[in-house]
Amino acid sequence: MSNRSNLITSPVQPTAASKLNAALPVSFEDTSIAFSSQSNFKLRKTYWLFALMNQGWLVKVGTFFIKLALKLQLPIKKLIKKTIFEQFCGGESIRDCENTILHLHTAQVGTILDYSIEGEENEKCFDSTVLEILRTIERASESADIPFSVFKVTGLAETELLEAVQRGDKLTDDEQAAFNRVRERVDVLCQRAHDRHVRIFIDAEESWIQDAIDCLAYEMMDRYNHEQCVVYNTYQMYRWEMYDQLVKATELAREKGYFLGAKLVRGAYLEKERIRSHEEEYQDPIQATKEDTDRDFNRAIDFCLSNRDEVSICLGTHNEYSCQYTIAQMKRMAIAPNDPHIYFAQLLGMSDNISYNLANSGYNVAKYVPYGPVEAVMPYLFRRAEENKSIAGQSSREFTLVKSELERRKGCK
C-alpha cells in the first residue's frame, strides 16, 4: 500500500533467513502471534482468498470478468467489498478505517492511511485529493496510532506535465502555471504535516517522472526538515543508480543542514520500466538481477543505520530476510528496537507474520491501509491480485502461514 505496489517483494531468501531466524529473538514463523487478533471465521476466509489467488489462471479470469462487470455497471460491488476489498483495504472513507486503526493498535501496529484513488487527471480532482490527504494528516495528528501520512505526486499533477519538467522542456505559460499549482499543493501538504508534527511520505513513481518528484521532495525537506524529519522521499532499490542517489541525497541534506527522510523499497514498476526503455532505446534503469536489488537494499539499510543521526528510515518491504538483516544490524550496533528513526511497513492484509511479530518484539511497525470508493481503488486491488498470484510468490507464503495457524488451532482444541 501511493507507491502501493512497491512493498511487494519475494517474501524470503530461505537459506540466509533461516540462519538469521535461528540467532534472533523475532521469529516470522510464529503464527500464533501473527494471527492472534483474527477469529477462526476471518482466518478461514483469508485462507480461501489466498487459496484462490494461488491459482494464476483464476486470477486472470476473475480480473477480466470483474473489469467487465464494472464497465457494464453490474451489481458486484457487495461481492468485491466482502472479499478482496475487505482483505486489502480499510474502507471507503477515513471513518470506515477506524475499526482497522483500532484493530492494529491493539497489536501495537501503526496505521498509514493511504488514499488510493488513481487515474484522475484534472485540476478539480487534484484539489479534491489535496483536501483528502489533509484529512489524513489531521487524523494522524490526533493519535500516535498513525505515525505517517502519504501521497503520490501524480495524484496532484498530470503525468505529462511532470515528464515535460523532467525533460527540461521550455514550459508554456499555462504549463508553468499548472506546475506552480503542483508545487503549491505539495507545499500545502508538507507544511500541514510540519505544523501538525506528522511525518509524510512522498511515494516513488516511474523513472521518467521521478527526477521531477525528487526535486520537489528535496525542496520540501529543505523547507520543513531542519528541526526534525517530517518529509520522506522514497528510494526504489531495483534501480541500479539508486544507492548512489541515496548517498548523494544524504550529502546534500548534510550540506544544507536538514534531516533526510528515506523510505526504502525494492520497486513497483519493473515491467513498465523495461518495456519503455526497450521501446525508446535508452539504458534500462532496472538492476540486472534480483540479487543486485537485494544487495543494494541491504547496503542502503547499512548506510542509513550508520547515519541515523541524520537519516530516518522506513523499510517498506515484505522481504523477510531484509527485515531480519535489519534486526541483526540494529542488535550489532546496539540500536534499541523502538528507535524513533527506524520503522518497518507492510501492506494491510499481507505479511502479518512480519508485522505482528516485529511489533510484539518492540519494533516500530505500521501497515499501509488503503481506502477509497470501491470502484476507484480497483486498479490497486487488481495489482494486489496480480502481484500475489505466483505459486512461488507472496500469496503462496500467505496461504501456507494461514494454513499452519488453522492446523495449530485445530490441534489446540
Protein backbone atom coordinates (compact mmCIF):
# COMPACT_ATOMS: atom_id res chain seq x y z
CA MET A 1 0.00 0.00 0.00
CA SER A 2 0.81 5.96 -3.02
CA ASN A 3 3.60 3.75 -4.28
CA ARG A 4 1.19 0.99 -3.40
CA SER A 5 2.87 -1.94 -5.09
CA ASN A 6 6.41 -1.05 -4.16
CA LEU A 7 6.21 -3.03 -0.92
CA ILE A 8 5.85 -6.32 -2.75
CA THR A 9 8.95 -8.48 -3.00
CA SER A 10 9.74 -12.14 -2.89
CA PRO A 11 8.90 -12.94 0.72
CA VAL A 12 12.08 -14.62 1.84
CA GLN A 13 15.61 -15.61 0.94
CA PRO A 14 15.36 -19.03 2.63
CA THR A 15 18.91 -20.10 3.49
CA ALA A 16 20.11 -16.75 4.78
CA ALA A 17 16.82 -16.04 6.53
CA SER A 18 16.79 -19.39 8.32
CA LYS A 19 20.30 -18.74 9.69
CA LEU A 20 19.23 -15.34 10.98
CA ASN A 21 15.97 -16.74 12.39
CA ALA A 22 17.95 -19.16 14.50
CA ALA A 23 20.03 -16.37 16.04
CA LEU A 24 17.42 -13.65 16.57
CA PRO A 25 14.61 -13.13 19.08
CA VAL A 26 11.99 -12.49 16.37
CA SER A 27 10.54 -15.48 14.55
CA PHE A 28 8.42 -14.86 11.47
CA GLU A 29 7.15 -18.42 11.75
CA ASP A 30 5.13 -17.74 14.91
CA THR A 31 1.60 -17.79 13.51
CA SER A 32 0.03 -17.65 16.97
CA ILE A 33 1.22 -14.04 17.22
CA ALA A 34 0.76 -13.21 13.55
CA PHE A 35 -2.95 -14.13 13.57
CA SER A 36 -3.80 -13.69 17.26
CA SER A 37 -6.34 -10.95 16.52
CA GLN A 38 -8.18 -12.92 13.82
CA SER A 39 -11.21 -15.05 14.60
CA ASN A 40 -11.49 -18.55 13.17
CA PHE A 41 -14.12 -17.28 10.73
CA LYS A 42 -11.89 -14.44 9.48
CA LEU A 43 -8.89 -16.73 9.23
CA ARG A 44 -10.81 -19.30 7.16
CA LYS A 45 -11.99 -16.53 4.89
CA THR A 46 -8.40 -15.37 4.41
CA TYR A 47 -7.37 -18.98 3.75
CA TRP A 48 -9.85 -19.38 0.90
CA LEU A 49 -8.99 -15.99 -0.60
CA PHE A 50 -5.28 -16.78 -0.81
CA ALA A 51 -6.04 -20.31 -1.98
CA LEU A 52 -7.86 -18.77 -4.95
CA MET A 53 -5.13 -16.19 -5.52
CA ASN A 54 -2.62 -19.01 -5.72
CA GLN A 55 -4.29 -20.09 -8.96
CA GLY A 56 -2.79 -17.82 -11.62
CA TRP A 57 -5.33 -18.70 -14.28
CA LEU A 58 -8.19 -17.99 -11.89
CA VAL A 59 -6.78 -14.56 -11.02
CA LYS A 60 -6.58 -13.67 -14.72
CA VAL A 61 -10.10 -14.86 -15.45
CA GLY A 62 -11.53 -13.25 -12.32
CA THR A 63 -9.83 -9.92 -13.02
CA PHE A 64 -11.17 -9.91 -16.58
CA PHE A 65 -14.76 -10.55 -15.51
CA ILE A 66 -14.64 -8.03 -12.64
CA LYS A 67 -13.40 -5.34 -15.02
CA LEU A 68 -16.14 -6.28 -17.49
CA ALA A 69 -18.81 -6.28 -14.78
CA LEU A 70 -17.72 -2.85 -13.55
CA LYS A 71 -17.72 -1.50 -17.08
CA LEU A 72 -21.26 -2.84 -17.61
CA GLN A 73 -22.24 -1.49 -14.18
CA LEU A 74 -23.36 -4.90 -12.95
CA PRO A 75 -24.18 -5.17 -9.22
CA ILE A 76 -20.99 -6.82 -7.94
CA LYS A 77 -19.80 -4.12 -5.55
CA LYS A 78 -21.03 -6.04 -2.50
CA LEU A 79 -19.14 -9.18 -3.55
CA ILE A 80 -15.92 -7.21 -4.10
CA LYS A 81 -16.34 -5.38 -0.81
CA LYS A 82 -16.75 -8.63 1.15
CA THR A 83 -13.73 -10.34 -0.41
CA ILE A 84 -10.63 -8.71 -1.88
CA PHE A 85 -11.56 -5.18 -0.76
CA GLU A 86 -12.08 -6.31 2.84
CA GLN A 87 -8.72 -8.12 2.82
CA PHE A 88 -6.58 -5.29 1.48
CA CYS A 89 -8.46 -2.05 2.26
CA GLY A 90 -9.61 -0.30 5.39
CA GLY A 91 -12.86 1.04 3.96
CA GLU A 92 -14.23 3.70 1.66
CA SER A 93 -13.50 6.62 3.98
CA ILE A 94 -11.30 7.54 6.94
CA ARG A 95 -14.26 6.90 9.23
CA ASP A 96 -14.64 3.41 7.76
CA CYS A 97 -10.98 2.77 8.64
CA GLU A 98 -11.41 3.44 12.36
CA ASN A 99 -12.03 -0.22 13.22
CA THR A 100 -8.89 -1.21 11.33
CA ILE A 101 -6.87 1.50 13.10
CA LEU A 102 -8.09 0.23 16.47
CA HIS A 103 -7.54 -3.39 15.47
CA LEU A 104 -3.92 -2.68 14.52
CA HIS A 105 -3.37 -0.55 17.61
CA THR A 106 -4.26 -3.45 19.89
CA ALA A 107 -1.27 -5.28 18.43
CA GLN A 108 0.96 -2.18 18.69
CA VAL A 109 0.97 -1.79 14.91
CA GLY A 110 0.53 1.70 13.47
CA THR A 111 -1.63 2.74 10.51
CA ILE A 112 -0.66 4.68 7.39
CA LEU A 113 -3.87 5.95 5.80
CA ASP A 114 -3.36 5.64 2.05
CA TYR A 115 -5.97 7.39 -0.10
CA SER A 116 -5.80 5.06 -3.10
CA ILE A 117 -7.62 6.94 -5.85
CA GLU A 118 -5.86 6.55 -9.21
CA GLY A 119 -6.21 7.74 -12.77
CA GLU A 120 -7.70 11.18 -12.07
CA GLU A 121 -6.10 13.90 -14.19
CA ASN A 122 -7.88 17.22 -13.88
CA GLU A 123 -7.47 20.24 -11.62
CA LYS A 124 -10.69 19.65 -9.72
CA CYS A 125 -9.67 16.09 -8.83
CA PHE A 126 -6.17 17.22 -7.85
CA ASP A 127 -7.56 19.81 -5.45
CA SER A 128 -10.02 17.26 -4.07
CA THR A 129 -7.14 14.83 -3.43
CA VAL A 130 -5.23 17.53 -1.54
CA LEU A 131 -8.22 18.03 0.76
CA GLU A 132 -8.45 14.30 1.44
CA ILE A 133 -4.72 13.99 2.20
CA LEU A 134 -5.07 16.96 4.56
CA ARG A 135 -7.77 14.96 6.37
CA THR A 136 -5.35 12.06 6.79
CA ILE A 137 -2.77 14.44 8.26
CA GLU A 138 -5.32 15.85 10.68
CA ARG A 139 -6.35 12.33 11.72
CA ALA A 140 -2.69 11.35 12.17
CA SER A 141 -2.09 14.41 14.36
CA GLU A 142 -4.77 13.19 16.77
CA SER A 143 -3.11 9.91 17.65
CA ALA A 144 0.24 8.16 17.80
CA ASP A 145 -1.53 5.20 16.18
CA ILE A 146 -0.96 6.85 12.78
CA PRO A 147 2.77 7.59 12.52
CA PHE A 148 2.83 8.68 8.84
CA SER A 149 0.75 10.21 6.07
CA VAL A 150 1.46 9.55 2.40
CA PHE A 151 0.73 10.85 -1.09
CA LYS A 152 1.71 10.41 -4.72
CA VAL A 153 2.65 13.47 -6.74
CA THR A 154 0.70 12.03 -9.70
CA GLY A 155 -2.37 12.40 -7.50
CA LEU A 156 -1.73 16.15 -7.66
CA ALA A 157 -0.38 16.62 -11.18
CA GLU A 158 -0.71 15.45 -14.78
CA THR A 159 1.90 12.85 -15.66
CA GLU A 160 2.62 14.57 -18.99
CA LEU A 161 3.45 17.79 -17.16
CA LEU A 162 5.89 16.02 -14.85
CA GLU A 163 7.52 14.38 -17.87
CA ALA A 164 7.97 17.77 -19.53
CA VAL A 165 9.50 19.21 -16.37
CA GLN A 166 11.91 16.27 -16.05
CA ARG A 167 12.96 16.55 -19.70
CA GLY A 168 13.73 20.21 -19.14
CA ASP A 169 11.25 21.34 -21.80
CA LYS A 170 10.51 25.04 -22.04
CA LEU A 171 7.07 25.20 -20.49
CA THR A 172 4.28 27.30 -21.93
CA ASP A 173 2.75 29.92 -19.67
CA ASP A 174 -0.18 27.62 -18.97
CA GLU A 175 2.14 24.68 -18.20
CA GLN A 176 4.27 26.81 -15.89
CA ALA A 177 1.15 27.99 -14.07
CA ALA A 178 -0.01 24.37 -13.76
CA PHE A 179 3.35 23.29 -12.34
CA ASN A 180 3.31 26.19 -9.90
CA ARG A 181 -0.02 24.83 -8.66
CA VAL A 182 1.53 21.38 -8.28
CA ARG A 183 4.34 22.82 -6.17
CA GLU A 184 1.79 24.71 -4.07
CA ARG A 185 -0.23 21.52 -3.49
CA VAL A 186 2.86 19.62 -2.37
CA ASP A 187 3.85 22.52 -0.13
CA VAL A 188 0.39 22.74 1.44
CA LEU A 189 0.59 19.05 2.41
CA CYS A 190 4.14 19.20 3.74
CA GLN A 191 3.53 22.42 5.66
CA ARG A 192 0.43 20.97 7.30
CA ALA A 193 2.39 17.85 8.22
CA HIS A 194 5.14 20.02 9.69
CA ASP A 195 2.67 22.17 11.62
CA ARG A 196 0.86 19.09 13.00
CA HIS A 197 4.09 17.18 13.77
CA VAL A 198 3.17 14.39 11.35
CA ARG A 199 5.73 12.59 9.17
CA ILE A 200 4.76 12.33 5.49
CA PHE A 201 5.93 10.07 2.67
CA ILE A 202 6.25 11.22 -0.93
CA ASP A 203 5.90 7.97 -2.83
CA ALA A 204 8.16 6.91 -5.69
CA GLU A 205 6.90 6.55 -9.24
CA GLU A 206 8.19 5.78 -12.76
CA SER A 207 11.77 6.79 -13.61
CA TRP A 208 10.64 9.18 -16.37
CA ILE A 209 8.98 11.42 -13.78
CA GLN A 210 10.95 10.51 -10.64
CA ASP A 211 13.63 13.22 -11.03
CA ALA A 212 10.91 15.88 -11.05
CA ILE A 213 9.39 14.31 -7.93
CA ASP A 214 12.80 14.13 -6.24
CA CYS A 215 13.35 17.85 -6.80
CA LEU A 216 10.04 18.62 -5.12
CA ALA A 217 10.86 16.25 -2.24
CA TYR A 218 14.26 17.82 -1.54
CA GLU A 219 12.79 21.30 -1.79
CA MET A 220 10.24 20.31 0.86
CA MET A 221 12.90 18.69 3.07
CA ASP A 222 14.99 21.87 2.94
CA ARG A 223 11.92 23.80 3.98
CA TYR A 224 10.50 21.55 6.70
CA ASN A 225 13.16 19.06 7.90
CA HIS A 226 15.59 21.38 9.71
CA GLU A 227 14.14 20.75 13.18
CA GLN A 228 13.12 17.12 12.75
CA CYS A 229 12.44 14.64 9.97
CA VAL A 230 8.99 15.38 8.55
CA VAL A 231 9.21 14.79 4.78
CA TYR A 232 10.41 11.41 3.43
CA ASN A 233 11.39 10.65 -0.15
CA THR A 234 11.14 7.08 -1.49
CA TYR A 235 14.07 5.14 -2.95
CA GLN A 236 13.40 2.20 -5.28
CA MET A 237 16.44 -0.01 -4.93
CA TYR A 238 15.65 -2.06 -8.03
CA ARG A 239 17.09 0.87 -9.97
CA TRP A 240 20.83 0.39 -10.37
CA GLU A 241 21.77 4.02 -9.60
CA MET A 242 19.56 4.39 -6.53
CA TYR A 243 22.09 3.56 -3.82
CA ASP A 244 24.38 6.29 -5.10
CA GLN A 245 21.43 8.68 -5.22
CA LEU A 246 20.65 7.91 -1.59
CA VAL A 247 24.24 8.69 -0.60
CA LYS A 248 24.21 11.95 -2.58
CA ALA A 249 20.87 12.94 -1.05
CA THR A 250 22.37 12.43 2.40
CA GLU A 251 25.36 14.57 1.50
CA LEU A 252 23.04 17.30 0.21
CA ALA A 253 20.99 17.18 3.41
CA ARG A 254 24.16 17.42 5.49
CA GLU A 255 25.40 20.36 3.42
CA LYS A 256 22.10 22.24 3.79
CA GLY A 257 21.56 21.30 7.40
CA TYR A 258 18.32 19.30 7.25
CA PHE A 259 17.38 15.74 8.15
CA LEU A 260 16.85 13.21 5.36
CA GLY A 261 13.76 11.02 5.42
CA ALA A 262 14.16 7.83 3.37
CA LYS A 263 11.57 5.16 2.69
CA LEU A 264 13.43 2.19 1.23
CA VAL A 265 11.57 -0.13 -1.15
CA ARG A 266 12.58 -2.53 -3.85
CA GLY A 267 10.31 -1.17 -6.59
CA ALA A 268 6.94 -1.21 -8.26
CA TYR A 269 7.20 -0.66 -11.99
CA LEU A 270 9.68 -3.23 -13.28
CA GLU A 271 7.74 -4.41 -16.32
CA LYS A 272 6.75 -0.89 -17.40
CA GLU A 273 10.31 0.36 -16.96
CA ARG A 274 11.87 -2.39 -19.06
CA ILE A 275 9.30 -2.15 -21.85
CA ARG A 276 9.65 1.62 -22.14
CA SER A 277 13.46 1.61 -22.08
CA HIS A 278 13.46 -1.01 -24.85
CA GLU A 279 10.89 0.81 -26.98
CA GLU A 280 12.55 4.19 -26.63
CA GLU A 281 16.09 2.78 -26.79
CA TYR A 282 17.64 4.14 -23.61
CA GLN A 283 19.54 2.34 -20.86
CA ASP A 284 17.36 0.07 -18.75
CA PRO A 285 17.20 1.72 -15.29
CA ILE A 286 16.48 -1.60 -13.55
CA GLN A 287 19.10 -3.78 -11.89
CA ALA A 288 20.34 -6.72 -13.96
CA THR A 289 19.25 -9.30 -11.39
CA LYS A 290 17.05 -9.67 -8.32
CA GLU A 291 20.22 -10.41 -6.34
CA ASP A 292 21.60 -6.99 -7.29
CA THR A 293 18.43 -5.37 -5.95
CA ASP A 294 18.67 -7.33 -2.70
CA ARG A 295 22.33 -6.38 -2.33
CA ASP A 296 21.66 -2.66 -2.76
CA PHE A 297 18.61 -2.75 -0.50
CA ASN A 298 20.72 -4.18 2.30
CA ARG A 299 23.58 -1.77 1.55
CA ALA A 300 21.07 1.04 1.91
CA ILE A 301 19.99 -0.37 5.28
CA ASP A 302 23.62 -0.36 6.46
CA PHE A 303 24.18 3.17 5.20
CA CYS A 304 21.06 4.58 6.85
CA LEU A 305 21.66 2.84 10.17
CA SER A 306 25.22 4.15 10.21
CA ASN A 307 23.91 7.68 9.60
CA ARG A 308 20.77 7.51 11.74
CA ASP A 309 21.55 10.82 13.47
CA GLU A 310 20.93 12.45 10.08
CA VAL A 311 18.73 9.90 8.30
CA SER A 312 15.38 8.47 9.38
CA ILE A 313 14.23 5.38 7.51
CA CYS A 314 11.14 3.32 6.89
CA LEU A 315 11.69 -0.13 5.38
CA GLY A 316 8.72 -0.74 3.11
CA THR A 317 9.20 -4.42 2.45
CA HIS A 318 7.68 -7.89 2.66
CA ASN A 319 11.10 -9.47 2.34
CA GLU A 320 11.74 -11.48 5.48
CA TYR A 321 15.49 -11.61 5.01
CA SER A 322 15.82 -7.82 4.81
CA CYS A 323 13.76 -7.43 7.97
CA GLN A 324 15.87 -9.99 9.82
CA TYR A 325 19.04 -8.41 8.43
CA THR A 326 17.95 -5.04 9.82
CA ILE A 327 17.22 -6.57 13.22
CA ALA A 328 20.67 -8.18 13.24
CA GLN A 329 22.38 -4.92 12.32
CA MET A 330 20.41 -2.98 14.93
CA LYS A 331 21.41 -5.54 17.54
CA ARG A 332 25.06 -5.39 16.45
CA MET A 333 25.05 -1.57 16.63
CA ALA A 334 23.20 -1.57 19.99
CA ILE A 335 20.23 0.29 18.48
CA ALA A 336 17.04 -0.06 20.52
CA PRO A 337 14.13 -1.80 18.75
CA ASN A 338 11.93 1.27 19.25
CA ASP A 339 14.49 3.77 17.96
CA PRO A 340 12.32 6.58 16.51
CA HIS A 341 14.49 6.84 13.39
CA ILE A 342 13.64 3.31 12.22
CA TYR A 343 10.28 1.92 11.06
CA PHE A 344 9.10 -1.18 9.23
CA ALA A 345 6.00 -1.12 7.00
CA GLN A 346 3.88 -3.72 5.20
CA LEU A 347 0.58 -3.64 3.36
CA LEU A 348 -2.71 -4.37 5.10
CA GLY A 349 -3.78 -7.97 4.57
CA MET A 350 -0.28 -9.22 3.86
CA SER A 351 2.79 -10.39 5.78
CA ASP A 352 1.13 -10.30 9.18
CA ASN A 353 3.81 -12.76 10.26
CA ILE A 354 6.34 -9.95 9.81
CA SER A 355 4.30 -7.02 11.09
CA TYR A 356 2.82 -8.58 14.21
CA ASN A 357 5.93 -10.47 15.29
CA LEU A 358 8.10 -7.37 14.90
CA ALA A 359 5.61 -5.27 16.86
CA ASN A 360 5.37 -7.95 19.54
CA SER A 361 9.16 -7.69 19.96
CA GLY A 362 9.04 -3.92 20.38
CA TYR A 363 9.98 -2.71 16.88
CA ASN A 364 8.24 0.23 15.21
CA VAL A 365 5.80 -1.16 12.64
CA ALA A 366 2.99 0.30 10.55
CA LYS A 367 0.58 -1.06 7.97
CA TYR A 368 -0.36 0.77 4.79
CA VAL A 369 -4.16 0.95 4.95
CA PRO A 370 -5.55 1.87 1.50
CA TYR A 371 -9.03 3.34 1.38
CA GLY A 372 -11.41 5.00 -1.07
CA PRO A 373 -14.58 4.22 -3.05
CA VAL A 374 -14.60 0.59 -4.18
CA GLU A 375 -14.69 1.43 -7.89
CA ALA A 376 -11.86 3.94 -7.55
CA VAL A 377 -9.45 1.60 -5.74
CA MET A 378 -9.94 -1.33 -8.13
CA PRO A 379 -6.65 -0.61 -10.01
CA TYR A 380 -4.87 -1.02 -6.67
CA LEU A 381 -6.73 -4.24 -5.90
CA PHE A 382 -6.03 -5.69 -9.34
CA ARG A 383 -2.33 -5.15 -8.69
CA ARG A 384 -2.61 -6.93 -5.34
CA ALA A 385 -4.12 -9.96 -7.04
CA GLU A 386 -1.67 -9.88 -9.94
CA GLU A 387 1.43 -9.50 -7.78
CA ASN A 388 0.40 -12.30 -5.42
CA LYS A 389 -0.79 -14.93 -7.85
CA SER A 390 2.56 -16.66 -8.41
CA ILE A 391 2.80 -20.05 -6.70
CA ALA A 392 6.39 -19.14 -5.76
CA GLY A 393 5.42 -15.67 -4.56
CA GLN A 394 3.70 -13.86 -1.77
CA SER A 395 0.27 -15.48 -1.85
CA SER A 396 1.84 -18.93 -1.55
CA ARG A 397 3.65 -17.80 1.59
CA GLU A 398 0.48 -16.20 2.99
CA PHE A 399 -1.54 -19.33 2.21
CA THR A 400 0.98 -21.58 3.94
CA LEU A 401 1.08 -19.42 7.06
CA VAL A 402 -2.70 -19.21 7.37
CA LYS A 403 -2.99 -22.96 6.83
CA SER A 404 -0.41 -23.58 9.56
CA GLU A 405 -2.31 -21.40 12.01
CA LEU A 406 -5.62 -23.12 11.28
CA GLU A 407 -3.95 -26.50 11.87
CA ARG A 408 -2.37 -25.19 15.09
CA ARG A 409 -5.75 -24.03 16.38
CA LYS A 410 -7.37 -27.32 15.47
CA GLY A 411 -4.67 -29.17 17.39
CA CYS A 412 -5.22 -26.97 20.45
CA LYS A 413 -8.88 -27.95 20.80
